[in-house]
Amino acid sequence: MPFIIPNLAPACTIAAAGKFFYNRERNFSGVAAIKEAVAVKVNLTVEAKIDGEQERFHFAEEGRLVTLNDHQHYLTYTEHQDGVATPVRIRLDEGQVSVTRDGARRTRLLFDPQAPTISHYRTEYGLLHLTVKTERLLSLHDLAAGKGHLVIKYQLHNGGGQIGDYQLDLRFER
């Protein structure tokens, strides 16, 4: 599992009527019109180093590149691993990127190379506060052509201690 954090609950759906329903309380509520949605192939490799142990995950999935209201761009796809399907949504903003994994639990990581960000992860033992320290964020994409490359190198910390070092390398194209 790429972020070594278990899965989370659905936050968005794309309805047959062509509307994008998005219920994250800190963003907008209601319905936003999809300006464009194109099918893309997604290739993702995640490397994780935790306690000196190196792990590598690779996913080749079908996805969609969605543009809302001219300025909000999302890459959506579903990861399949060990019989579990996990919806993933990546928001491509200028200067920062957020990755949301939906499933039994919801994880949202915000990557900002200018400053550490805080995420919360609910476990059966309580709320876990995560600090995301983005060391490198490379986001090259041609949305009109439906292709892009995203590289994120980051660390996750909890309570002052480092959980691990991670690198995400994602490519998408029509």
C-alpha atoms as a PDB file:
ATOM      1  CA  MET A   1       0.000   0.000   0.000  1.00  0.00           C
ATOM      2  CA  PRO A   2       1.775   3.130  -1.212  1.00  0.00           C
ATOM      3  CA  PHE A   3       1.667   5.495   1.746  1.00  0.00           C
ATOM      4  CA  ILE A   4       1.929   2.712   4.325  1.00  0.00           C
ATOM      5  CA  ILE A   5      -1.227   4.159   5.833  1.00  0.00           C
ATOM      6  CA  PRO A   6      -4.468   2.152   5.526  1.00  0.00           C
ATOM      7  CA  ASN A   7      -7.359   3.180   3.265  1.00  0.00           C
ATOM      8  CA  LEU A   8     -10.210   5.702   3.843  1.00  0.00           C
ATOM      9  CA  ALA A   9     -14.030   6.725   3.084  1.00  0.00           C
ATOM     10  CA  PRO A  10     -15.415   7.996  -0.263  1.00  0.00           C
ATOM     11  CA  ALA A  11     -15.335  11.770  -0.715  1.00  0.00           C
ATOM     12  CA  CYS A  12     -16.266  12.229  -4.343  1.00  0.00           C
ATOM     13  CA  THR A  13     -18.186  10.610  -7.145  1.00  0.00           C
ATOM     14  CA  ILE A  14     -18.712  11.470 -10.758  1.00  0.00           C
ATOM     15  CA  ALA A  15     -22.382  11.123 -11.583  1.00  0.00           C
ATOM     16  CA  ALA A  16     -23.799  10.082 -14.943  1.00  0.00           C
ATOM     17  CA  ALA A  17     -25.259  13.576 -15.344  1.00  0.00           C
ATOM     18  CA  GLY A  18     -21.730  14.942 -15.712  1.00  0.00           C
ATOM     19  CA  LYS A  19     -21.535  16.592 -12.307  1.00  0.00           C
ATOM     20  CA  PHE A  20     -18.704  16.173  -9.800  1.00  0.00           C
ATOM     21  CA  PHE A  21     -20.001  15.811  -6.248  1.00  0.00           C
ATOM     22  CA  TYR A  22     -17.329  16.752  -3.747  1.00  0.00           C
ATOM     23  CA  ASN A  23     -18.039  16.788  -0.022  1.00  0.00           C
ATOM     24  CA  ARG A  24     -14.850  17.892   1.639  1.00  0.00           C
ATOM     25  CA  GLU A  25     -15.885  20.413   4.264  1.00  0.00           C
ATOM     26  CA  ARG A  26     -12.947  22.781   3.775  1.00  0.00           C
ATOM     27  CA  ASN A  27     -13.486  23.154   0.043  1.00  0.00           C
ATOM     28  CA  PHE A  28     -16.731  23.896  -1.756  1.00  0.00           C
ATOM     29  CA  SER A  29     -19.985  22.129  -1.166  1.00  0.00           C
ATOM     30  CA  GLY A  30     -22.601  21.296  -3.731  1.00  0.00           C
ATOM     31  CA  VAL A  31     -22.036  20.508  -7.370  1.00  0.00           C
ATOM     32  CA  ALA A  32     -19.355  21.745  -9.744  1.00  0.00           C
ATOM     33  CA  ALA A  33     -19.623  21.289 -13.487  1.00  0.00           C
ATOM     34  CA  ILE A  34     -17.068  19.094 -15.194  1.00  0.00           C
ATOM     35  CA  LYS A  35     -15.513  21.096 -17.986  1.00  0.00           C
ATOM     36  CA  GLU A  36     -13.588  18.132 -19.348  1.00  0.00           C
ATOM     37  CA  ALA A  37     -12.856  14.518 -18.420  1.00  0.00           C
ATOM     38  CA  VAL A  38     -10.499  12.333 -20.450  1.00  0.00           C
ATOM     39  CA  ALA A  39      -9.476   8.723 -19.986  1.00  0.00           C
ATOM     40  CA  VAL A  40      -5.781   8.233 -19.173  1.00  0.00           C
ATOM     41  CA  LYS A  41      -3.399   5.408 -18.350  1.00  0.00           C
ATOM     42  CA  VAL A  42      -1.738   5.841 -14.950  1.00  0.00           C
ATOM     43  CA  ASN A  43       1.635   4.334 -14.020  1.00  0.00           C
ATOM     44  CA  LEU A  44       2.670   4.830 -10.412  1.00  0.00           C
ATOM     45  CA  THR A  45       5.738   3.690  -8.512  1.00  0.00           C
ATOM     46  CA  VAL A  46       6.064   4.371  -4.781  1.00  0.00           C
ATOM     47  CA  GLU A  47       9.235   3.686  -2.848  1.00  0.00           C
ATOM     48  CA  ALA A  48       9.144   3.684   0.949  1.00  0.00           C
ATOM     49  CA  LYS A  49      12.012   3.396   3.417  1.00  0.00           C
ATOM     50  CA  ILE A  50      10.839   2.692   6.959  1.00  0.00           C
ATOM     51  CA  ASP A  51      13.215   1.645   9.752  1.00  0.00           C
ATOM     52  CA  GLY A  52      15.918   0.869   7.180  1.00  0.00           C
ATOM     53  CA  GLU A  53      13.607  -1.455   5.214  1.00  0.00           C
ATOM     54  CA  GLN A  54      12.995  -0.539   1.567  1.00  0.00           C
ATOM     55  CA  GLU A  55       9.640  -1.320  -0.093  1.00  0.00           C
ATOM     56  CA  ARG A  56       8.509  -0.668  -3.651  1.00  0.00           C
ATOM     57  CA  PHE A  57       4.999  -0.685  -5.093  1.00  0.00           C
ATOM     58  CA  HIS A  58       3.955  -0.374  -8.730  1.00  0.00           C
ATOM     59  CA  PHE A  59       0.492   0.233 -10.135  1.00  0.00           C
ATOM     60  CA  ALA A  60      -0.668   0.388 -13.762  1.00  0.00           C
ATOM     61  CA  GLU A  61      -4.285   1.573 -13.742  1.00  0.00           C
ATOM     62  CA  GLU A  62      -6.930   3.228 -15.900  1.00  0.00           C
ATOM     63  CA  GLY A  63      -7.875   6.706 -14.754  1.00  0.00           C
ATOM     64  CA  ARG A  64      -9.489  10.010 -15.640  1.00  0.00           C
ATOM     65  CA  LEU A  65      -8.102  13.511 -15.871  1.00  0.00           C
ATOM     66  CA  VAL A  66     -10.922  15.825 -14.776  1.00  0.00           C
ATOM     67  CA  THR A  67     -11.079  19.615 -15.105  1.00  0.00           C
ATOM     68  CA  LEU A  68     -13.658  21.515 -13.052  1.00  0.00           C
ATOM     69  CA  ASN A  69     -14.566  25.162 -13.571  1.00  0.00           C
ATOM     70  CA  ASP A  70     -11.470  25.884 -15.728  1.00  0.00           C
ATOM     71  CA  HIS A  71      -8.993  25.898 -12.837  1.00  0.00           C
ATOM     72  CA  GLN A  72      -9.338  22.733 -10.753  1.00  0.00           C
ATOM     73  CA  HIS A  73      -7.567  19.684 -12.163  1.00  0.00           C
ATOM     74  CA  TYR A  74      -7.852  16.171 -10.732  1.00  0.00           C
ATOM     75  CA  LEU A  75      -6.392  12.825 -11.682  1.00  0.00           C
ATOM     76  CA  THR A  76      -8.613   9.982 -10.447  1.00  0.00           C
ATOM     77  CA  TYR A  77      -7.980   6.244 -10.577  1.00  0.00           C
ATOM     78  CA  THR A  78      -8.421   3.111  -8.481  1.00  0.00           C
ATOM     79  CA  GLU A  79      -5.427   1.196  -7.141  1.00  0.00           C
ATOM     80  CA  HIS A  80      -5.808  -2.579  -7.056  1.00  0.00           C
ATOM     81  CA  GLN A  81      -3.669  -4.471  -4.562  1.00  0.00           C
ATOM     82  CA  ASP A  82      -4.198  -7.805  -2.824  1.00  0.00           C
ATOM     83  CA  GLY A  83      -7.862  -7.921  -3.864  1.00  0.00           C
ATOM     84  CA  VAL A  84      -8.577  -4.434  -2.471  1.00  0.00           C
ATOM     85  CA  ALA A  85      -9.678  -1.549  -4.710  1.00  0.00           C
ATOM     86  CA  THR A  86      -8.732   1.890  -3.352  1.00  0.00           C
ATOM     87  CA  PRO A  87     -10.012   5.040  -5.099  1.00  0.00           C
ATOM     88  CA  VAL A  88      -7.348   7.738  -5.375  1.00  0.00           C
ATOM     89  CA  ARG A  89      -7.797  11.397  -6.237  1.00  0.00           C
ATOM     90  CA  ILE A  90      -4.883  13.744  -6.949  1.00  0.00           C
ATOM     91  CA  ARG A  91      -5.473  17.475  -7.119  1.00  0.00           C
ATOM     92  CA  LEU A  92      -2.927  19.245  -9.308  1.00  0.00           C
ATOM     93  CA  ASP A  93      -2.582  22.834  -8.069  1.00  0.00           C
ATOM     94  CA  GLU A  94       0.078  25.391  -8.879  1.00  0.00           C
ATOM     95  CA  GLY A  95       2.937  24.822  -6.443  1.00  0.00           C
ATOM     96  CA  GLN A  96       1.287  22.039  -4.431  1.00  0.00           C
ATOM     97  CA  VAL A  97      -0.396  18.686  -4.892  1.00  0.00           C
ATOM     98  CA  SER A  98      -2.810  16.772  -2.680  1.00  0.00           C
ATOM     99  CA  VAL A  99      -3.351  13.016  -2.747  1.00  0.00           C
ATOM    100  CA  THR A 100      -6.508  11.539  -1.248  1.00  0.00           C
ATOM    101  CA  ARG A 101      -6.920   7.786  -0.801  1.00  0.00           C
ATOM    102  CA  ASP A 102     -10.456   6.606  -0.029  1.00  0.00           C
ATOM    103  CA  GLY A 103     -11.448   3.310   1.534  1.00  0.00           C
ATOM    104  CA  ALA A 104     -12.182   2.010   5.035  1.00  0.00           C
ATOM    105  CA  ARG A 105     -10.287   5.079   6.292  1.00  0.00           C
ATOM    106  CA  ARG A 106      -9.555   8.315   4.456  1.00  0.00           C
ATOM    107  CA  THR A 107      -6.031   9.693   4.031  1.00  0.00           C
ATOM    108  CA  ARG A 108      -5.291  13.081   2.510  1.00  0.00           C
ATOM    109  CA  LEU A 109      -1.711  14.250   2.169  1.00  0.00           C
ATOM    110  CA  LEU A 110      -0.885  17.784   1.027  1.00  0.00           C
ATOM    111  CA  PHE A 111       2.538  18.224  -0.559  1.00  0.00           C
ATOM    112  CA  ASP A 112       3.933  21.768  -0.396  1.00  0.00           C
ATOM    113  CA  PRO A 113       7.692  22.245  -0.865  1.00  0.00           C
ATOM    114  CA  GLN A 114       7.473  25.686   0.809  1.00  0.00           C
ATOM    115  CA  ALA A 115       6.342  24.441   4.235  1.00  0.00           C
ATOM    116  CA  PRO A 116       5.477  21.250   6.156  1.00  0.00           C
ATOM    117  CA  THR A 117       1.772  20.368   6.181  1.00  0.00           C
ATOM    118  CA  ILE A 118      -0.366  18.539   8.736  1.00  0.00           C
ATOM    119  CA  SER A 119      -2.617  15.557   8.009  1.00  0.00           C
ATOM    120  CA  HIS A 120      -4.793  13.528  10.342  1.00  0.00           C
ATOM    121  CA  TYR A 121      -5.302   9.802  10.196  1.00  0.00           C
ATOM    122  CA  ARG A 122      -7.923   8.111  12.343  1.00  0.00           C
ATOM    123  CA  THR A 123      -7.053   4.649  13.648  1.00  0.00           C
ATOM    124  CA  GLU A 124      -8.937   2.317  15.964  1.00  0.00           C
ATOM    125  CA  TYR A 125      -6.638   3.669  18.726  1.00  0.00           C
ATOM    126  CA  GLY A 126      -7.385   7.341  18.071  1.00  0.00           C
ATOM    127  CA  LEU A 127      -6.341  10.222  15.866  1.00  0.00           C
ATOM    128  CA  LEU A 128      -2.806  10.175  14.483  1.00  0.00           C
ATOM    129  CA  HIS A 129      -1.282  13.558  13.544  1.00  0.00           C
ATOM    130  CA  LEU A 130       1.094  13.369  10.588  1.00  0.00           C
ATOM    131  CA  THR A 131       3.493  16.047   9.405  1.00  0.00           C
ATOM    132  CA  VAL A 132       4.325  15.893   5.699  1.00  0.00           C
ATOM    133  CA  LYS A 133       7.715  17.383   4.781  1.00  0.00           C
ATOM    134  CA  THR A 134       7.993  17.707   1.011  1.00  0.00           C
ATOM    135  CA  GLU A 135      11.624  17.643  -0.111  1.00  0.00           C
ATOM    136  CA  ARG A 136      10.918  17.700  -3.854  1.00  0.00           C
ATOM    137  CA  LEU A 137       7.817  18.335  -5.942  1.00  0.00           C
ATOM    138  CA  LEU A 138       8.065  18.090  -9.716  1.00  0.00           C
ATOM    139  CA  SER A 139       4.774  18.476 -11.548  1.00  0.00           C
ATOM    140  CA  LEU A 140       5.038  18.591 -15.314  1.00  0.00           C
ATOM    141  CA  HIS A 141       1.825  18.237 -17.243  1.00  0.00           C
ATOM    142  CA  ASP A 142       0.147  19.189 -20.478  1.00  0.00           C
ATOM    143  CA  LEU A 143      -3.500  19.004 -19.528  1.00  0.00           C
ATOM    144  CA  ALA A 144      -4.671  19.774 -23.078  1.00  0.00           C
ATOM    145  CA  ALA A 145      -2.737  16.720 -24.314  1.00  0.00           C
ATOM    146  CA  GLY A 146      -3.878  14.630 -21.326  1.00  0.00           C
ATOM    147  CA  LYS A 147      -0.409  13.705 -20.098  1.00  0.00           C
ATOM    148  CA  GLY A 148       1.869  14.471 -17.210  1.00  0.00           C
ATOM    149  CA  HIS A 149       4.616  13.418 -14.838  1.00  0.00           C
ATOM    150  CA  LEU A 150       4.593  13.904 -11.082  1.00  0.00           C
ATOM    151  CA  VAL A 151       7.524  13.213  -8.737  1.00  0.00           C
ATOM    152  CA  ILE A 152       7.192  13.780  -5.004  1.00  0.00           C
ATOM    153  CA  LYS A 153       9.928  13.047  -2.488  1.00  0.00           C
ATOM    154  CA  TYR A 154       8.743  13.439   1.108  1.00  0.00           C
ATOM    155  CA  GLN A 155       8.969  12.370   4.731  1.00  0.00           C
ATOM    156  CA  LEU A 156       6.179  11.523   7.149  1.00  0.00           C
ATOM    157  CA  HIS A 157       6.609  12.442  10.809  1.00  0.00           C
ATOM    158  CA  ASN A 158       4.509  11.751  13.901  1.00  0.00           C
ATOM    159  CA  GLY A 159       5.054  13.379  17.278  1.00  0.00           C
ATOM    160  CA  GLY A 160       8.495  14.607  16.286  1.00  0.00           C
ATOM    161  CA  GLY A 161       9.668  11.192  15.102  1.00  0.00           C
ATOM    162  CA  GLN A 162      10.158  10.274  11.480  1.00  0.00           C
ATOM    163  CA  ILE A 163       7.962   7.453  10.179  1.00  0.00           C
ATOM    164  CA  GLY A 164       9.689   7.063   6.828  1.00  0.00           C
ATOM    165  CA  ASP A 165      11.080   8.457   3.574  1.00  0.00           C
ATOM    166  CA  TYR A 166       8.952   8.152   0.437  1.00  0.00           C
ATOM    167  CA  GLN A 167       9.165   8.825  -3.263  1.00  0.00           C
ATOM    168  CA  LEU A 168       6.147   8.813  -5.564  1.00  0.00           C
ATOM    169  CA  ASP A 169       6.731   8.737  -9.344  1.00  0.00           C
ATOM    170  CA  LEU A 170       3.516   8.973 -11.371  1.00  0.00           C
ATOM    171  CA  ARG A 171       3.018   9.285 -15.134  1.00  0.00           C
ATOM    172  CA  PHE A 172      -0.284   9.601 -16.934  1.00  0.00           C
ATOM    173  CA  GLU A 173      -1.201   9.845 -20.615  1.00  0.00           C
ATOM    174  CA  ARG A 174      -4.140   9.316 -22.952  1.00  0.00           C
END
